[in-house]
Amino acid sequence: MATIFPQDGKWYINYRSRGKRVRRVAGKTKREAEKVLKEVIREQTLERLTEPQASYRETSLSDFCNFLFDYVERHKSPRTAERYSEMLTNFRTWAIPNHIRTVGDIRPIHVESYTKWRQKHKASQNTIRHELIILSLLWRIAMKYGYAQHNPITEVERPKKVQKAPRFLDKKEIAALLKASNEYERAVWKTYLYTGMRRGELETLEWQDVDFRRSTITVRVRADFAPKGRRSRGIPMHPKLKPVLKKLPKRSEQLVFATKHGTRLKHYDRNFKRACEKAGIEGTSIHTLRHTCASHLVMAGVDLPTVAKILGHRDIESTMVYAHLTVDHLKAGVERLDLL
């Protein structure tokens, strides 16, 4: 049965021809797509339907994954490439014992099977949802270069997003973390706490980005790194952070934070985890420090649009996870009313 559906501002037609699924653009409007639909149905009835020409070739799953591994390594930031490669590895690990050898073998039912497999391996609903979004994106890239004909990921309903209140440290936990850390680690944690920077942003921060005279820190797009959203932004330097950075040992002429050998920090989340264990703090990751900065800003009465600009969120929706923390602040505002 031929069907039409909208996607990304266009209308597509979906049907089977000679045992194979065909999906192609049918027009920019529903009316144009309906005309194409009628023609396809008529040709199906007359058994004269021919499959449209495409650059698709029957690709082995191995070649498909290798192409995408290479693509993300060349076109994505190291952190993003690492995450995307991990998802591809998960998918390939599932596919091999299921005897899937070519990309054309994969159907929506297989994608459903993959999500169940991820659930068995303790992946959360949000994690699975995110993986399907990324896999769909990678599939579209593969289609562009002729490694796939259609995207089976789009035909599978994604798990609904579970919005959880982010974990953040209270003041007692912050004090305990700093006490359990060495002097250099404390400088790293304080920079996270007072700027709300992402991990990649802090690890690539350069001395030229720190302006002590103007009390600003710039997160900028560079040739070897781009922040999420690929947009530069300025962050006001907190008065308590300035002396911390001024006293910081210069391990590198370029990088603000570096190893003892002057190279970029790696695996510093292990140091954070070790400090948390020593301080008796549970349920955290190094990203918790970013949540802590945002949460305490909101609880201090800073409005969400301002918090979004500090964090580098492209839209306010990402910042809304902290909205529940504004309740007490709003309550205090409402109590100021004197109407009766």
C-alpha atoms as a PDB file:
ATOM      1  CA  MET A   1       0.000   0.000   0.000  1.00  0.00           C
ATOM      2  CA  ALA A   2       1.481   3.347  -1.028  1.00  0.00           C
ATOM      3  CA  THR A   3       1.370   6.141   1.568  1.00  0.00           C
ATOM      4  CA  ILE A   4       2.485   9.754   1.827  1.00  0.00           C
ATOM      5  CA  PHE A   5       3.842  11.600   4.847  1.00  0.00           C
ATOM      6  CA  PRO A   6       5.503  14.950   5.694  1.00  0.00           C
ATOM      7  CA  GLN A   7       9.085  15.230   6.927  1.00  0.00           C
ATOM      8  CA  ASP A   8      11.569  18.109   7.135  1.00  0.00           C
ATOM      9  CA  GLY A   9       9.378  20.486   5.161  1.00  0.00           C
ATOM     10  CA  LYS A  10       8.734  18.062   2.287  1.00  0.00           C
ATOM     11  CA  TRP A  11       6.237  15.322   1.464  1.00  0.00           C
ATOM     12  CA  TYR A  12       7.458  11.788   0.840  1.00  0.00           C
ATOM     13  CA  ILE A  13       5.878   8.711  -0.692  1.00  0.00           C
ATOM     14  CA  ASN A  14       6.481   5.242   0.677  1.00  0.00           C
ATOM     15  CA  TYR A  15       5.674   2.025  -1.205  1.00  0.00           C
ATOM     16  CA  ARG A  16       7.030  -1.389  -2.178  1.00  0.00           C
ATOM     17  CA  SER A  17       8.235  -2.327  -5.618  1.00  0.00           C
ATOM     18  CA  ARG A  18       9.347  -5.825  -6.560  1.00  0.00           C
ATOM     19  CA  GLY A  19       9.681  -6.756  -2.926  1.00  0.00           C
ATOM     20  CA  LYS A  20      11.753  -3.719  -1.973  1.00  0.00           C
ATOM     21  CA  ARG A  21      10.749  -0.646  -0.010  1.00  0.00           C
ATOM     22  CA  VAL A  22      10.940   2.622  -1.924  1.00  0.00           C
ATOM     23  CA  ARG A  23      10.868   6.050  -0.324  1.00  0.00           C
ATOM     24  CA  ARG A  24      11.324   9.276  -2.260  1.00  0.00           C
ATOM     25  CA  VAL A  25      10.315  12.936  -2.285  1.00  0.00           C
ATOM     26  CA  ALA A  26       6.826  13.425  -3.723  1.00  0.00           C
ATOM     27  CA  GLY A  27       6.597  17.219  -3.559  1.00  0.00           C
ATOM     28  CA  LYS A  28       6.689  20.281  -1.353  1.00  0.00           C
ATOM     29  CA  THR A  29       2.937  20.271  -0.648  1.00  0.00           C
ATOM     30  CA  LYS A  30       0.369  17.651   0.270  1.00  0.00           C
ATOM     31  CA  ARG A  31      -1.502  18.307  -2.969  1.00  0.00           C
ATOM     32  CA  GLU A  32       1.593  17.530  -5.040  1.00  0.00           C
ATOM     33  CA  ALA A  33       2.207  14.383  -3.015  1.00  0.00           C
ATOM     34  CA  GLU A  34      -1.395  13.204  -3.490  1.00  0.00           C
ATOM     35  CA  LYS A  35      -0.991  13.503  -7.253  1.00  0.00           C
ATOM     36  CA  VAL A  36       2.133  11.363  -7.115  1.00  0.00           C
ATOM     37  CA  LEU A  37       0.322   8.893  -4.851  1.00  0.00           C
ATOM     38  CA  LYS A  38      -2.486   8.441  -7.368  1.00  0.00           C
ATOM     39  CA  GLU A  39       0.009   7.840 -10.159  1.00  0.00           C
ATOM     40  CA  VAL A  40       1.931   5.271  -8.110  1.00  0.00           C
ATOM     41  CA  ILE A  41      -1.249   3.410  -7.190  1.00  0.00           C
ATOM     42  CA  ARG A  42      -2.318   3.402 -10.825  1.00  0.00           C
ATOM     43  CA  GLU A  43       1.067   2.052 -11.949  1.00  0.00           C
ATOM     44  CA  GLN A  44       1.042  -0.559  -9.204  1.00  0.00           C
ATOM     45  CA  THR A  45      -2.336  -1.726 -10.404  1.00  0.00           C
ATOM     46  CA  LEU A  46      -1.017  -1.991 -13.939  1.00  0.00           C
ATOM     47  CA  GLU A  47       2.149  -3.699 -12.647  1.00  0.00           C
ATOM     48  CA  ARG A  48       4.255  -1.186 -14.469  1.00  0.00           C
ATOM     49  CA  LEU A  49       5.908   0.427 -11.494  1.00  0.00           C
ATOM     50  CA  THR A  50       9.677   0.712 -11.804  1.00  0.00           C
ATOM     51  CA  GLU A  51      12.017   1.543  -8.996  1.00  0.00           C
ATOM     52  CA  PRO A  52      13.619   5.009  -9.258  1.00  0.00           C
ATOM     53  CA  GLN A  53      17.327   5.134  -9.963  1.00  0.00           C
ATOM     54  CA  ALA A  54      19.528   5.873  -6.968  1.00  0.00           C
ATOM     55  CA  SER A  55      23.174   5.955  -6.084  1.00  0.00           C
ATOM     56  CA  TYR A  56      22.502   3.217  -3.517  1.00  0.00           C
ATOM     57  CA  ARG A  57      24.595   0.078  -3.576  1.00  0.00           C
ATOM     58  CA  GLU A  58      24.182  -3.005  -1.405  1.00  0.00           C
ATOM     59  CA  THR A  59      26.657  -2.172   1.338  1.00  0.00           C
ATOM     60  CA  SER A  60      28.018  -4.507   3.959  1.00  0.00           C
ATOM     61  CA  LEU A  61      27.346  -3.477   7.531  1.00  0.00           C
ATOM     62  CA  SER A  62      31.105  -3.408   8.098  1.00  0.00           C
ATOM     63  CA  ASP A  63      31.700  -0.911   5.253  1.00  0.00           C
ATOM     64  CA  PHE A  64      28.715   1.138   6.424  1.00  0.00           C
ATOM     65  CA  CYS A  65      30.067   1.459   9.976  1.00  0.00           C
ATOM     66  CA  ASN A  66      33.641   2.066   8.833  1.00  0.00           C
ATOM     67  CA  PHE A  67      32.486   4.932   6.618  1.00  0.00           C
ATOM     68  CA  LEU A  68      30.605   6.531   9.520  1.00  0.00           C
ATOM     69  CA  PHE A  69      33.475   6.001  11.977  1.00  0.00           C
ATOM     70  CA  ASP A  70      35.746   7.853   9.555  1.00  0.00           C
ATOM     71  CA  TYR A  71      33.137  10.554   8.877  1.00  0.00           C
ATOM     72  CA  VAL A  72      32.526  11.496  12.519  1.00  0.00           C
ATOM     73  CA  GLU A  73      36.259  11.486  13.244  1.00  0.00           C
ATOM     74  CA  ARG A  74      36.862  14.017  10.457  1.00  0.00           C
ATOM     75  CA  HIS A  75      33.770  16.206  10.873  1.00  0.00           C
ATOM     76  CA  LYS A  76      32.930  16.166  14.599  1.00  0.00           C
ATOM     77  CA  SER A  77      34.717  17.379  17.702  1.00  0.00           C
ATOM     78  CA  PRO A  78      36.761  14.706  19.526  1.00  0.00           C
ATOM     79  CA  ARG A  79      34.174  14.437  22.326  1.00  0.00           C
ATOM     80  CA  THR A  80      31.227  14.184  19.909  1.00  0.00           C
ATOM     81  CA  ALA A  81      33.089  11.735  17.678  1.00  0.00           C
ATOM     82  CA  GLU A  82      33.766   9.571  20.730  1.00  0.00           C
ATOM     83  CA  ARG A  83      30.079   9.476  21.687  1.00  0.00           C
ATOM     84  CA  TYR A  84      28.895   8.800  18.122  1.00  0.00           C
ATOM     85  CA  SER A  85      31.478   6.042  17.669  1.00  0.00           C
ATOM     86  CA  GLU A  86      30.347   4.431  20.923  1.00  0.00           C
ATOM     87  CA  MET A  87      26.744   4.328  19.644  1.00  0.00           C
ATOM     88  CA  LEU A  88      27.853   2.818  16.331  1.00  0.00           C
ATOM     89  CA  THR A  89      29.866   0.222  18.215  1.00  0.00           C
ATOM     90  CA  ASN A  90      26.801  -0.690  20.271  1.00  0.00           C
ATOM     91  CA  PHE A  91      24.738  -1.092  17.119  1.00  0.00           C
ATOM     92  CA  ARG A  92      27.371  -3.207  15.380  1.00  0.00           C
ATOM     93  CA  THR A  93      27.819  -5.355  18.502  1.00  0.00           C
ATOM     94  CA  TRP A  94      24.091  -6.093  18.435  1.00  0.00           C
ATOM     95  CA  ALA A  95      23.924  -6.694  14.659  1.00  0.00           C
ATOM     96  CA  ILE A  96      26.738  -9.239  14.242  1.00  0.00           C
ATOM     97  CA  PRO A  97      25.209 -12.103  16.303  1.00  0.00           C
ATOM     98  CA  ASN A  98      21.847 -11.357  14.667  1.00  0.00           C
ATOM     99  CA  HIS A  99      23.339 -12.281  11.261  1.00  0.00           C
ATOM    100  CA  ILE A 100      22.808  -8.823   9.742  1.00  0.00           C
ATOM    101  CA  ARG A 101      25.448  -8.520   7.063  1.00  0.00           C
ATOM    102  CA  THR A 102      24.222  -5.705   4.827  1.00  0.00           C
ATOM    103  CA  VAL A 103      22.563  -2.353   5.445  1.00  0.00           C
ATOM    104  CA  GLY A 104      19.659  -3.398   3.239  1.00  0.00           C
ATOM    105  CA  ASP A 105      18.875  -6.234   5.668  1.00  0.00           C
ATOM    106  CA  ILE A 106      17.932  -3.803   8.435  1.00  0.00           C
ATOM    107  CA  ARG A 107      14.202  -3.179   8.881  1.00  0.00           C
ATOM    108  CA  PRO A 108      12.223  -1.297  11.541  1.00  0.00           C
ATOM    109  CA  ILE A 109      11.633  -4.572  13.389  1.00  0.00           C
ATOM    110  CA  HIS A 110      15.386  -4.910  13.771  1.00  0.00           C
ATOM    111  CA  VAL A 111      15.617  -1.418  15.234  1.00  0.00           C
ATOM    112  CA  GLU A 112      12.923  -2.416  17.758  1.00  0.00           C
ATOM    113  CA  SER A 113      15.005  -5.474  18.592  1.00  0.00           C
ATOM    114  CA  TYR A 114      18.043  -3.263  19.114  1.00  0.00           C
ATOM    115  CA  THR A 115      16.183  -1.025  21.595  1.00  0.00           C
ATOM    116  CA  LYS A 116      15.128  -4.097  23.603  1.00  0.00           C
ATOM    117  CA  TRP A 117      18.740  -5.284  23.588  1.00  0.00           C
ATOM    118  CA  ARG A 118      19.887  -1.906  24.942  1.00  0.00           C
ATOM    119  CA  GLN A 119      17.236  -2.106  27.674  1.00  0.00           C
ATOM    120  CA  LYS A 120      18.589  -5.508  28.723  1.00  0.00           C
ATOM    121  CA  HIS A 121      22.011  -3.885  28.999  1.00  0.00           C
ATOM    122  CA  LYS A 122      20.621  -1.335  31.473  1.00  0.00           C
ATOM    123  CA  ALA A 123      20.478   1.626  29.077  1.00  0.00           C
ATOM    124  CA  SER A 124      17.997   4.228  30.307  1.00  0.00           C
ATOM    125  CA  GLN A 125      14.993   5.386  28.326  1.00  0.00           C
ATOM    126  CA  ASN A 126      16.654   8.751  27.684  1.00  0.00           C
ATOM    127  CA  THR A 127      19.870   7.065  26.565  1.00  0.00           C
ATOM    128  CA  ILE A 128      18.036   4.864  24.065  1.00  0.00           C
ATOM    129  CA  ARG A 129      16.081   7.855  22.773  1.00  0.00           C
ATOM    130  CA  HIS A 130      19.310   9.807  22.290  1.00  0.00           C
ATOM    131  CA  GLU A 131      20.982   6.874  20.527  1.00  0.00           C
ATOM    132  CA  LEU A 132      18.106   6.547  18.053  1.00  0.00           C
ATOM    133  CA  ILE A 133      18.276  10.271  17.289  1.00  0.00           C
ATOM    134  CA  ILE A 134      22.017  10.059  16.598  1.00  0.00           C
ATOM    135  CA  LEU A 135      21.741   6.823  14.614  1.00  0.00           C
ATOM    136  CA  SER A 136      19.031   8.409  12.466  1.00  0.00           C
ATOM    137  CA  LEU A 137      21.296  11.392  11.832  1.00  0.00           C
ATOM    138  CA  LEU A 138      24.185   9.111  10.855  1.00  0.00           C
ATOM    139  CA  TRP A 139      21.900   7.092   8.598  1.00  0.00           C
ATOM    140  CA  ARG A 140      20.894  10.259   6.726  1.00  0.00           C
ATOM    141  CA  ILE A 141      24.571  11.037   6.202  1.00  0.00           C
ATOM    142  CA  ALA A 142      25.123   7.525   4.861  1.00  0.00           C
ATOM    143  CA  MET A 143      22.170   7.936   2.487  1.00  0.00           C
ATOM    144  CA  LYS A 144      23.665  11.182   1.182  1.00  0.00           C
ATOM    145  CA  TYR A 145      26.828   9.338   0.186  1.00  0.00           C
ATOM    146  CA  GLY A 146      25.062   6.318  -1.272  1.00  0.00           C
ATOM    147  CA  TYR A 147      25.713   3.860   1.545  1.00  0.00           C
ATOM    148  CA  ALA A 148      22.026   3.318   2.291  1.00  0.00           C
ATOM    149  CA  GLN A 149      18.738   3.662   0.453  1.00  0.00           C
ATOM    150  CA  HIS A 150      16.336   4.433   3.269  1.00  0.00           C
ATOM    151  CA  ASN A 151      16.395   5.164   6.988  1.00  0.00           C
ATOM    152  CA  PRO A 152      14.669   2.462   9.096  1.00  0.00           C
ATOM    153  CA  ILE A 153      15.277   4.448  12.292  1.00  0.00           C
ATOM    154  CA  THR A 154      12.643   7.025  11.308  1.00  0.00           C
ATOM    155  CA  GLU A 155       9.950   4.342  11.212  1.00  0.00           C
ATOM    156  CA  VAL A 156      10.426   3.392  14.858  1.00  0.00           C
ATOM    157  CA  GLU A 157       8.758   5.324  17.666  1.00  0.00           C
ATOM    158  CA  ARG A 158      11.327   6.711  20.039  1.00  0.00           C
ATOM    159  CA  PRO A 159      10.944   6.297  23.809  1.00  0.00           C
ATOM    160  CA  LYS A 160       9.471   9.374  25.427  1.00  0.00           C
ATOM    161  CA  LYS A 161      11.934  11.670  27.105  1.00  0.00           C
ATOM    162  CA  VAL A 162      11.968  11.391  30.879  1.00  0.00           C
ATOM    163  CA  GLN A 163      12.648  14.829  32.318  1.00  0.00           C
ATOM    164  CA  LYS A 164      14.564  14.455  35.564  1.00  0.00           C
ATOM    165  CA  ALA A 165      15.599  17.219  37.923  1.00  0.00           C
ATOM    166  CA  PRO A 166      19.377  17.523  37.541  1.00  0.00           C
ATOM    167  CA  ARG A 167      21.596  16.455  40.416  1.00  0.00           C
ATOM    168  CA  PHE A 168      23.554  19.336  41.916  1.00  0.00           C
ATOM    169  CA  LEU A 169      25.748  19.834  44.960  1.00  0.00           C
ATOM    170  CA  ASP A 170      24.572  21.816  47.959  1.00  0.00           C
ATOM    171  CA  LYS A 171      26.977  24.105  49.810  1.00  0.00           C
ATOM    172  CA  LYS A 172      27.985  21.416  52.319  1.00  0.00           C
ATOM    173  CA  GLU A 173      28.813  18.995  49.512  1.00  0.00           C
ATOM    174  CA  ILE A 174      30.807  21.670  47.679  1.00  0.00           C
ATOM    175  CA  ALA A 175      32.856  22.327  50.830  1.00  0.00           C
ATOM    176  CA  ALA A 176      33.411  18.588  51.315  1.00  0.00           C
ATOM    177  CA  LEU A 177      34.499  18.159  47.674  1.00  0.00           C
ATOM    178  CA  LEU A 178      37.023  20.984  47.887  1.00  0.00           C
ATOM    179  CA  LYS A 179      38.408  19.641  51.169  1.00  0.00           C
ATOM    180  CA  ALA A 180      38.888  16.191  49.617  1.00  0.00           C
ATOM    181  CA  SER A 181      40.794  17.595  46.612  1.00  0.00           C
ATOM    182  CA  ASN A 182      44.333  18.829  46.079  1.00  0.00           C
ATOM    183  CA  GLU A 183      45.079  22.470  45.257  1.00  0.00           C
ATOM    184  CA  TYR A 184      45.113  22.040  41.462  1.00  0.00           C
ATOM    185  CA  GLU A 185      41.891  20.021  41.489  1.00  0.00           C
ATOM    186  CA  ARG A 186      40.216  22.698  43.599  1.00  0.00           C
ATOM    187  CA  ALA A 187      41.068  25.265  40.918  1.00  0.00           C
ATOM    188  CA  VAL A 188      39.459  23.046  38.277  1.00  0.00           C
ATOM    189  CA  TRP A 189      36.315  22.446  40.335  1.00  0.00           C
ATOM    190  CA  LYS A 190      35.960  26.150  41.197  1.00  0.00           C
ATOM    191  CA  THR A 191      36.238  27.108  37.523  1.00  0.00           C
ATOM    192  CA  TYR A 192      33.439  24.678  36.688  1.00  0.00           C
ATOM    193  CA  LEU A 193      31.334  25.972  39.578  1.00  0.00           C
ATOM    194  CA  TYR A 194      31.768  29.677  38.838  1.00  0.00           C
ATOM    195  CA  THR A 195      31.416  29.457  35.012  1.00  0.00           C
ATOM    196  CA  GLY A 196      29.138  26.485  34.308  1.00  0.00           C
ATOM    197  CA  MET A 197      31.355  25.511  31.386  1.00  0.00           C
ATOM    198  CA  ARG A 198      31.069  22.152  29.682  1.00  0.00           C
ATOM    199  CA  ARG A 199      33.891  19.675  30.096  1.00  0.00           C
ATOM    200  CA  GLY A 200      35.293  20.164  26.584  1.00  0.00           C
ATOM    201  CA  GLU A 201      35.101  23.942  26.963  1.00  0.00           C
ATOM    202  CA  LEU A 202      37.171  23.931  30.146  1.00  0.00           C
ATOM    203  CA  GLU A 203      39.704  21.397  28.879  1.00  0.00           C
ATOM    204  CA  THR A 204      40.424  23.523  25.770  1.00  0.00           C
ATOM    205  CA  LEU A 205      40.332  26.903  27.540  1.00  0.00           C
ATOM    206  CA  GLU A 206      43.401  28.981  26.617  1.00  0.00           C
ATOM    207  CA  TRP A 207      45.100  31.820  28.481  1.00  0.00           C
ATOM    208  CA  GLN A 208      44.232  34.202  25.663  1.00  0.00           C
ATOM    209  CA  ASP A 209      40.552  33.517  26.482  1.00  0.00           C
ATOM    210  CA  VAL A 210      40.991  34.811  30.044  1.00  0.00           C
ATOM    211  CA  ASP A 211      40.808  38.594  30.336  1.00  0.00           C
ATOM    212  CA  PHE A 212      41.666  39.622  33.901  1.00  0.00           C
ATOM    213  CA  ARG A 213      41.343  43.321  33.123  1.00  0.00           C
ATOM    214  CA  ARG A 214      37.764  43.010  31.888  1.00  0.00           C
ATOM    215  CA  SER A 215      36.982  40.075  34.178  1.00  0.00           C
ATOM    216  CA  THR A 216      35.673  37.875  31.360  1.00  0.00           C
ATOM    217  CA  ILE A 217      36.263  34.352  30.093  1.00  0.00           C
ATOM    218  CA  THR A 218      35.562  33.652  26.422  1.00  0.00           C
ATOM    219  CA  VAL A 219      34.433  30.275  25.149  1.00  0.00           C
ATOM    220  CA  ARG A 220      35.178  30.501  21.459  1.00  0.00           C
ATOM    221  CA  VAL A 221      35.051  28.518  18.255  1.00  0.00           C
ATOM    222  CA  ARG A 222      38.507  27.494  17.079  1.00  0.00           C
ATOM    223  CA  ALA A 223      39.941  25.345  14.325  1.00  0.00           C
ATOM    224  CA  ASP A 224      40.474  22.387  16.673  1.00  0.00           C
ATOM    225  CA  PHE A 225      37.399  22.819  18.869  1.00  0.00           C
ATOM    226  CA  ALA A 226      33.861  24.184  18.706  1.00  0.00           C
ATOM    227  CA  PRO A 227      31.515  24.470  21.699  1.00  0.00           C
ATOM    228  CA  LYS A 228      28.107  22.867  21.440  1.00  0.00           C
ATOM    229  CA  GLY A 229      25.995  24.898  19.018  1.00  0.00           C
ATOM    230  CA  ARG A 230      29.209  26.182  17.380  1.00  0.00           C
ATOM    231  CA  ARG A 231      28.814  29.619  18.942  1.00  0.00           C
ATOM    232  CA  SER A 232      31.291  31.639  20.973  1.00  0.00           C
ATOM    233  CA  ARG A 233      30.172  33.319  24.186  1.00  0.00           C
ATOM    234  CA  GLY A 234      31.550  35.432  26.990  1.00  0.00           C
ATOM    235  CA  ILE A 235      31.201  34.533  30.674  1.00  0.00           C
ATOM    236  CA  PRO A 236      31.684  37.151  33.418  1.00  0.00           C
ATOM    237  CA  MET A 237      34.505  36.142  35.743  1.00  0.00           C
ATOM    238  CA  HIS A 238      33.321  35.803  39.335  1.00  0.00           C
ATOM    239  CA  PRO A 239      35.382  37.917  41.785  1.00  0.00           C
ATOM    240  CA  LYS A 240      36.272  34.771  43.769  1.00  0.00           C
ATOM    241  CA  LEU A 241      37.492  32.972  40.640  1.00  0.00           C
ATOM    242  CA  LYS A 242      39.937  35.680  39.519  1.00  0.00           C
ATOM    243  CA  PRO A 243      42.532  35.083  42.288  1.00  0.00           C
ATOM    244  CA  VAL A 244      42.216  31.318  41.775  1.00  0.00           C
ATOM    245  CA  LEU A 245      43.214  31.618  38.107  1.00  0.00           C
ATOM    246  CA  LYS A 246      45.917  34.206  38.797  1.00  0.00           C
ATOM    247  CA  LYS A 247      47.614  31.867  41.293  1.00  0.00           C
ATOM    248  CA  LEU A 248      47.187  28.788  39.067  1.00  0.00           C
ATOM    249  CA  PRO A 249      50.533  27.181  38.155  1.00  0.00           C
ATOM    250  CA  LYS A 250      51.241  27.665  34.435  1.00  0.00           C
ATOM    251  CA  ARG A 251      51.717  24.130  33.204  1.00  0.00           C
ATOM    252  CA  SER A 252      51.252  25.261  29.603  1.00  0.00           C
ATOM    253  CA  GLU A 253      51.865  28.516  27.749  1.00  0.00           C
ATOM    254  CA  GLN A 254      48.637  27.929  25.836  1.00  0.00           C
ATOM    255  CA  LEU A 255      46.211  25.884  27.944  1.00  0.00           C
ATOM    256  CA  VAL A 256      44.833  27.214  31.222  1.00  0.00           C
ATOM    257  CA  PHE A 257      44.408  23.701  32.609  1.00  0.00           C
ATOM    258  CA  ALA A 258      46.896  21.027  31.633  1.00  0.00           C
ATOM    259  CA  THR A 259      48.663  17.923  32.879  1.00  0.00           C
ATOM    260  CA  LYS A 260      52.056  18.149  34.580  1.00  0.00           C
ATOM    261  CA  HIS A 261      53.534  17.532  31.119  1.00  0.00           C
ATOM    262  CA  GLY A 262      51.717  20.528  29.656  1.00  0.00           C
ATOM    263  CA  THR A 263      49.239  18.487  27.621  1.00  0.00           C
ATOM    264  CA  ARG A 264      45.450  18.687  27.561  1.00  0.00           C
ATOM    265  CA  LEU A 265      43.620  17.278  30.581  1.00  0.00           C
ATOM    266  CA  LYS A 266      42.123  13.861  29.957  1.00  0.00           C
ATOM    267  CA  HIS A 267      40.137  11.561  32.189  1.00  0.00           C
ATOM    268  CA  TYR A 268      39.867  14.237  34.879  1.00  0.00           C
ATOM    269  CA  ASP A 269      36.453  12.834  35.648  1.00  0.00           C
ATOM    270  CA  ARG A 270      38.367  10.069  37.430  1.00  0.00           C
ATOM    271  CA  ASN A 271      39.903  12.654  39.745  1.00  0.00           C
ATOM    272  CA  PHE A 272      36.442  14.063  40.397  1.00  0.00           C
ATOM    273  CA  LYS A 273      35.022  10.636  41.141  1.00  0.00           C
ATOM    274  CA  ARG A 274      37.885   9.866  43.506  1.00  0.00           C
ATOM    275  CA  ALA A 275      37.391  13.173  45.353  1.00  0.00           C
ATOM    276  CA  CYS A 276      33.633  12.527  45.635  1.00  0.00           C
ATOM    277  CA  GLU A 277      34.236   9.067  47.080  1.00  0.00           C
ATOM    278  CA  LYS A 278      36.633  10.534  49.622  1.00  0.00           C
ATOM    279  CA  ALA A 279      34.070  13.218  50.531  1.00  0.00           C
ATOM    280  CA  GLY A 280      31.190  10.711  50.718  1.00  0.00           C
ATOM    281  CA  ILE A 281      29.303  12.326  47.846  1.00  0.00           C
ATOM    282  CA  GLU A 282      27.188   9.973  45.707  1.00  0.00           C
ATOM    283  CA  GLY A 283      25.277  10.069  42.424  1.00  0.00           C
ATOM    284  CA  THR A 284      27.466  12.569  40.604  1.00  0.00           C
ATOM    285  CA  SER A 285      29.627  13.026  37.528  1.00  0.00           C
ATOM    286  CA  ILE A 286      31.876  15.902  36.539  1.00  0.00           C
ATOM    287  CA  HIS A 287      28.889  17.341  34.628  1.00  0.00           C
ATOM    288  CA  THR A 288      27.218  17.756  38.038  1.00  0.00           C
ATOM    289  CA  LEU A 289      29.419  20.815  38.556  1.00  0.00           C
ATOM    290  CA  ARG A 290      27.770  22.518  35.565  1.00  0.00           C
ATOM    291  CA  HIS A 291      24.346  21.649  36.992  1.00  0.00           C
ATOM    292  CA  THR A 292      25.493  23.014  40.352  1.00  0.00           C
ATOM    293  CA  CYS A 293      26.447  26.361  38.846  1.00  0.00           C
ATOM    294  CA  ALA A 294      23.112  26.665  37.018  1.00  0.00           C
ATOM    295  CA  SER A 295      21.035  25.513  39.986  1.00  0.00           C
ATOM    296  CA  HIS A 296      22.605  27.938  42.432  1.00  0.00           C
ATOM    297  CA  LEU A 297      22.225  30.799  39.928  1.00  0.00           C
ATOM    298  CA  VAL A 298      18.492  30.070  39.664  1.00  0.00           C
ATOM    299  CA  MET A 299      18.091  29.708  43.436  1.00  0.00           C
ATOM    300  CA  ALA A 300      19.838  33.071  43.836  1.00  0.00           C
ATOM    301  CA  GLY A 301      17.102  34.651  41.740  1.00  0.00           C
ATOM    302  CA  VAL A 302      18.862  34.879  38.374  1.00  0.00           C
ATOM    303  CA  ASP A 303      16.283  34.642  35.563  1.00  0.00           C
ATOM    304  CA  LEU A 304      16.345  31.639  33.224  1.00  0.00           C
ATOM    305  CA  PRO A 305      17.225  33.591  30.008  1.00  0.00           C
ATOM    306  CA  THR A 306      20.346  34.936  31.729  1.00  0.00           C
ATOM    307  CA  VAL A 307      21.281  31.456  32.975  1.00  0.00           C
ATOM    308  CA  ALA A 308      20.812  30.161  29.413  1.00  0.00           C
ATOM    309  CA  LYS A 309      23.286  32.744  28.081  1.00  0.00           C
ATOM    310  CA  ILE A 310      25.881  31.872  30.726  1.00  0.00           C
ATOM    311  CA  LEU A 311      25.571  28.141  30.021  1.00  0.00           C
ATOM    312  CA  GLY A 312      25.541  28.584  26.242  1.00  0.00           C
ATOM    313  CA  HIS A 313      22.098  27.046  25.676  1.00  0.00           C
ATOM    314  CA  ARG A 314      20.748  27.713  22.202  1.00  0.00           C
ATOM    315  CA  ASP A 315      17.158  27.813  23.416  1.00  0.00           C
ATOM    316  CA  ILE A 316      15.429  28.311  26.741  1.00  0.00           C
ATOM    317  CA  GLU A 317      13.971  24.781  26.672  1.00  0.00           C
ATOM    318  CA  SER A 318      17.304  23.320  27.737  1.00  0.00           C
ATOM    319  CA  THR A 319      17.375  25.674  30.724  1.00  0.00           C
ATOM    320  CA  MET A 320      13.841  24.786  31.808  1.00  0.00           C
ATOM    321  CA  VAL A 321      15.142  21.716  33.682  1.00  0.00           C
ATOM    322  CA  TYR A 322      16.066  24.192  36.434  1.00  0.00           C
ATOM    323  CA  ALA A 323      12.669  25.926  36.429  1.00  0.00           C
ATOM    324  CA  HIS A 324      11.401  24.032  39.502  1.00  0.00           C
ATOM    325  CA  LEU A 325      14.096  25.765  41.559  1.00  0.00           C
ATOM    326  CA  THR A 326      12.483  29.157  40.925  1.00  0.00           C
ATOM    327  CA  VAL A 327       9.374  28.280  42.965  1.00  0.00           C
ATOM    328  CA  ASP A 328      10.654  29.730  46.267  1.00  0.00           C
ATOM    329  CA  HIS A 329      11.886  32.835  44.484  1.00  0.00           C
ATOM    330  CA  LEU A 330       8.504  33.295  42.814  1.00  0.00           C
ATOM    331  CA  LYS A 331       6.742  32.650  46.110  1.00  0.00           C
ATOM    332  CA  ALA A 332       8.701  35.449  47.749  1.00  0.00           C
ATOM    333  CA  GLY A 333       7.722  37.724  44.879  1.00  0.00           C
ATOM    334  CA  VAL A 334       4.034  36.882  45.136  1.00  0.00           C
ATOM    335  CA  GLU A 335       4.051  37.433  48.909  1.00  0.00           C
ATOM    336  CA  ARG A 336       5.040  41.050  48.303  1.00  0.00           C
ATOM    337  CA  LEU A 337       1.578  41.721  46.878  1.00  0.00           C
ATOM    338  CA  ASP A 338      -0.603  43.797  49.197  1.00  0.00           C
ATOM    339  CA  LEU A 339      -3.991  43.972  47.507  1.00  0.00           C
ATOM    340  CA  LEU A 340      -6.484  43.744  50.391  1.00  0.00           C
END
